[in-house]
Amino acid sequence: MMLTETPFRAREKLLEKQRLFQSIHRHTYLKGPMDKVTSVAIPLALAASSLYMIGTGIYNMSNGIGKKE
């Protein structure tokens, strides 16, 4: 008697997803539906906020704003 586990996904769904991902000619990290958010938007937001903070710091230093006494 051999017991088999039921698969996590149906074989047809798995084959359909494999065909989809193999047919898309993009980089691997941009193939999924939410990959643009995690691979492009978040790093751009982090870079923009850090550039803003650096600019604010340079402005404050050059005008002597926010010094501790």
N, C-alpha and C. Protein backbone atom coordinates (compact mmCIF):
# COMPACT_ATOMS: atom_id res chain seq x y z
N MET A 1 0.85 -1.18 0.00
CA MET A 1 0.00 0.00 0.00
C MET A 1 0.89 1.24 0.00
N MET A 2 0.73 2.05 -1.02
CA MET A 2 1.57 3.25 -1.15
C MET A 2 0.69 4.49 -1.08
N LEU A 3 0.99 5.35 -0.12
CA LEU A 3 0.22 6.57 0.02
C LEU A 3 0.92 7.70 -0.74
N THR A 4 0.16 8.48 -1.45
CA THR A 4 0.75 9.61 -2.16
C THR A 4 0.10 10.90 -1.66
N GLU A 5 0.93 11.92 -1.58
CA GLU A 5 0.42 13.22 -1.16
C GLU A 5 -0.24 13.93 -2.32
N THR A 6 -1.23 14.72 -2.02
CA THR A 6 -1.82 15.53 -3.07
C THR A 6 -0.88 16.70 -3.36
N PRO A 7 -0.73 17.07 -4.60
CA PRO A 7 0.19 18.17 -4.93
C PRO A 7 -0.36 19.51 -4.45
N PHE A 8 0.55 20.47 -4.27
CA PHE A 8 0.14 21.80 -3.84
C PHE A 8 -0.68 22.49 -4.93
N ARG A 9 -0.28 22.33 -6.15
CA ARG A 9 -1.01 22.91 -7.28
C ARG A 9 -1.35 21.81 -8.27
N ALA A 10 -2.38 22.05 -9.02
CA ALA A 10 -2.73 21.10 -10.06
C ALA A 10 -1.67 21.13 -11.15
N ARG A 11 -1.41 19.99 -11.75
CA ARG A 11 -0.36 19.89 -12.77
C ARG A 11 -0.64 20.81 -13.96
N GLU A 12 -1.91 20.94 -14.32
CA GLU A 12 -2.26 21.80 -15.45
C GLU A 12 -1.92 23.26 -15.17
N LYS A 13 -2.22 23.71 -13.94
CA LYS A 13 -1.90 25.10 -13.56
C LYS A 13 -0.40 25.32 -13.59
N LEU A 14 0.36 24.34 -13.11
CA LEU A 14 1.81 24.45 -13.08
C LEU A 14 2.37 24.54 -14.50
N LEU A 15 1.88 23.70 -15.39
CA LEU A 15 2.34 23.74 -16.78
C LEU A 15 1.96 25.06 -17.45
N GLU A 16 0.78 25.58 -17.13
CA GLU A 16 0.34 26.86 -17.69
C GLU A 16 1.27 28.00 -17.23
N LYS A 17 1.60 28.01 -15.95
CA LYS A 17 2.50 29.05 -15.43
C LYS A 17 3.90 28.91 -16.02
N GLN A 18 4.38 27.68 -16.20
CA GLN A 18 5.70 27.46 -16.80
C GLN A 18 5.72 28.00 -18.23
N ARG A 19 4.66 27.73 -18.98
CA ARG A 19 4.60 28.25 -20.36
C ARG A 19 4.60 29.77 -20.37
N LEU A 20 3.86 30.37 -19.44
CA LEU A 20 3.79 31.82 -19.36
C LEU A 20 5.16 32.41 -19.07
N PHE A 21 5.84 31.91 -18.05
CA PHE A 21 7.12 32.48 -17.66
C PHE A 21 8.21 32.21 -18.69
N GLN A 22 8.13 31.09 -19.40
CA GLN A 22 9.13 30.80 -20.42
C GLN A 22 8.91 31.60 -21.69
N SER A 23 7.68 32.06 -21.91
CA SER A 23 7.39 32.82 -23.12
C SER A 23 7.74 34.29 -22.98
N ILE A 24 7.83 34.80 -21.74
CA ILE A 24 8.14 36.22 -21.52
C ILE A 24 9.63 36.42 -21.68
N HIS A 25 10.02 37.35 -22.54
CA HIS A 25 11.44 37.61 -22.77
C HIS A 25 11.86 38.85 -22.00
N ARG A 26 11.93 38.73 -20.70
CA ARG A 26 12.39 39.80 -19.83
C ARG A 26 13.38 39.20 -18.85
N HIS A 27 13.96 40.06 -18.03
CA HIS A 27 14.85 39.54 -17.00
C HIS A 27 14.04 38.71 -16.02
N THR A 28 14.69 37.76 -15.39
CA THR A 28 14.01 36.84 -14.49
C THR A 28 13.34 37.57 -13.35
N TYR A 29 13.97 38.62 -12.82
CA TYR A 29 13.42 39.31 -11.66
C TYR A 29 12.26 40.24 -12.01
N LEU A 30 11.88 40.36 -13.27
CA LEU A 30 10.76 41.21 -13.66
C LEU A 30 9.60 40.42 -14.28
N LYS A 31 9.59 39.10 -14.15
CA LYS A 31 8.57 38.30 -14.82
C LYS A 31 7.26 38.20 -14.07
N GLY A 32 7.29 38.30 -12.77
CA GLY A 32 6.06 38.13 -11.98
C GLY A 32 5.18 39.36 -12.02
N PRO A 33 3.95 39.24 -11.53
CA PRO A 33 3.02 40.38 -11.58
C PRO A 33 3.40 41.52 -10.64
N MET A 34 3.98 41.23 -9.49
CA MET A 34 4.34 42.28 -8.54
C MET A 34 5.82 42.60 -8.54
N ASP A 35 6.56 42.07 -9.49
CA ASP A 35 8.02 42.24 -9.48
C ASP A 35 8.46 43.64 -9.82
N LYS A 36 7.66 44.37 -10.58
CA LYS A 36 8.04 45.75 -10.89
C LYS A 36 8.03 46.61 -9.63
N VAL A 37 7.12 46.32 -8.72
CA VAL A 37 7.04 47.08 -7.48
C VAL A 37 8.26 46.83 -6.62
N THR A 38 8.61 45.56 -6.46
CA THR A 38 9.71 45.23 -5.56
C THR A 38 11.07 45.48 -6.17
N SER A 39 11.20 45.39 -7.48
CA SER A 39 12.52 45.53 -8.10
C SER A 39 12.79 46.92 -8.65
N VAL A 40 11.76 47.71 -8.87
CA VAL A 40 11.96 49.03 -9.48
C VAL A 40 11.45 50.15 -8.57
N ALA A 41 10.21 50.09 -8.16
CA ALA A 41 9.60 51.21 -7.44
C ALA A 41 10.19 51.42 -6.05
N ILE A 42 10.41 50.37 -5.29
CA ILE A 42 10.95 50.52 -3.94
C ILE A 42 12.38 51.07 -3.97
N PRO A 43 13.29 50.52 -4.79
CA PRO A 43 14.63 51.12 -4.85
C PRO A 43 14.62 52.58 -5.33
N LEU A 44 13.75 52.91 -6.28
CA LEU A 44 13.67 54.31 -6.74
C LEU A 44 13.17 55.22 -5.62
N ALA A 45 12.21 54.76 -4.85
CA ALA A 45 11.71 55.56 -3.73
C ALA A 45 12.79 55.76 -2.68
N LEU A 46 13.55 54.72 -2.39
CA LEU A 46 14.64 54.84 -1.41
C LEU A 46 15.72 55.80 -1.91
N ALA A 47 16.07 55.71 -3.19
CA ALA A 47 17.07 56.61 -3.75
C ALA A 47 16.59 58.06 -3.73
N ALA A 48 15.33 58.28 -4.09
CA ALA A 48 14.79 59.65 -4.10
C ALA A 48 14.75 60.25 -2.70
N SER A 49 14.33 59.46 -1.72
CA SER A 49 14.27 59.99 -0.36
C SER A 49 15.66 60.26 0.19
N SER A 50 16.63 59.42 -0.13
CA SER A 50 17.99 59.67 0.36
C SER A 50 18.59 60.90 -0.31
N LEU A 51 18.33 61.10 -1.59
CA LEU A 51 18.82 62.30 -2.27
C LEU A 51 18.17 63.56 -1.69
N TYR A 52 16.89 63.48 -1.35
CA TYR A 52 16.21 64.61 -0.71
C TYR A 52 16.84 64.93 0.64
N MET A 53 17.11 63.90 1.44
CA MET A 53 17.71 64.11 2.76
C MET A 53 19.12 64.68 2.64
N ILE A 54 19.89 64.21 1.67
CA ILE A 54 21.23 64.74 1.47
C ILE A 54 21.16 66.20 1.06
N GLY A 55 20.25 66.53 0.14
CA GLY A 55 20.07 67.91 -0.30
C GLY A 55 19.66 68.82 0.84
N THR A 56 18.73 68.35 1.67
CA THR A 56 18.29 69.14 2.83
C THR A 56 19.45 69.36 3.79
N GLY A 57 20.25 68.33 4.02
CA GLY A 57 21.40 68.46 4.91
C GLY A 57 22.43 69.44 4.40
N ILE A 58 22.71 69.40 3.11
CA ILE A 58 23.67 70.34 2.52
C ILE A 58 23.15 71.76 2.62
N TYR A 59 21.86 71.95 2.34
CA TYR A 59 21.26 73.29 2.45
C TYR A 59 21.35 73.81 3.88
N ASN A 60 21.00 72.96 4.85
CA ASN A 60 21.06 73.38 6.26
C ASN A 60 22.48 73.70 6.70
N MET A 61 23.45 72.91 6.24
CA MET A 61 24.85 73.17 6.63
C MET A 61 25.36 74.47 6.00
N SER A 62 24.96 74.70 4.76
CA SER A 62 25.49 75.90 4.09
C SER A 62 24.87 77.18 4.64
N ASN A 63 23.66 77.10 5.20
CA ASN A 63 23.00 78.29 5.76
C ASN A 63 23.05 78.34 7.28
N GLY A 64 23.64 77.36 7.90
CA GLY A 64 23.77 77.35 9.36
C GLY A 64 22.47 77.13 10.10
N ILE A 65 21.55 76.40 9.50
CA ILE A 65 20.25 76.13 10.12
C ILE A 65 20.32 74.84 10.93
N GLY A 66 19.68 74.84 12.10
CA GLY A 66 19.55 73.64 12.89
C GLY A 66 20.79 73.24 13.66
N LYS A 67 21.64 74.19 13.99
CA LYS A 67 22.85 73.86 14.74
C LYS A 67 22.51 73.69 16.21
N LYS A 68 23.26 72.83 16.88
CA LYS A 68 23.14 72.68 18.33
C LYS A 68 24.13 73.63 18.98
N GLU A 69 23.75 74.20 20.10
CA GLU A 69 24.67 75.12 20.76
C GLU A 69 25.42 74.47 21.89
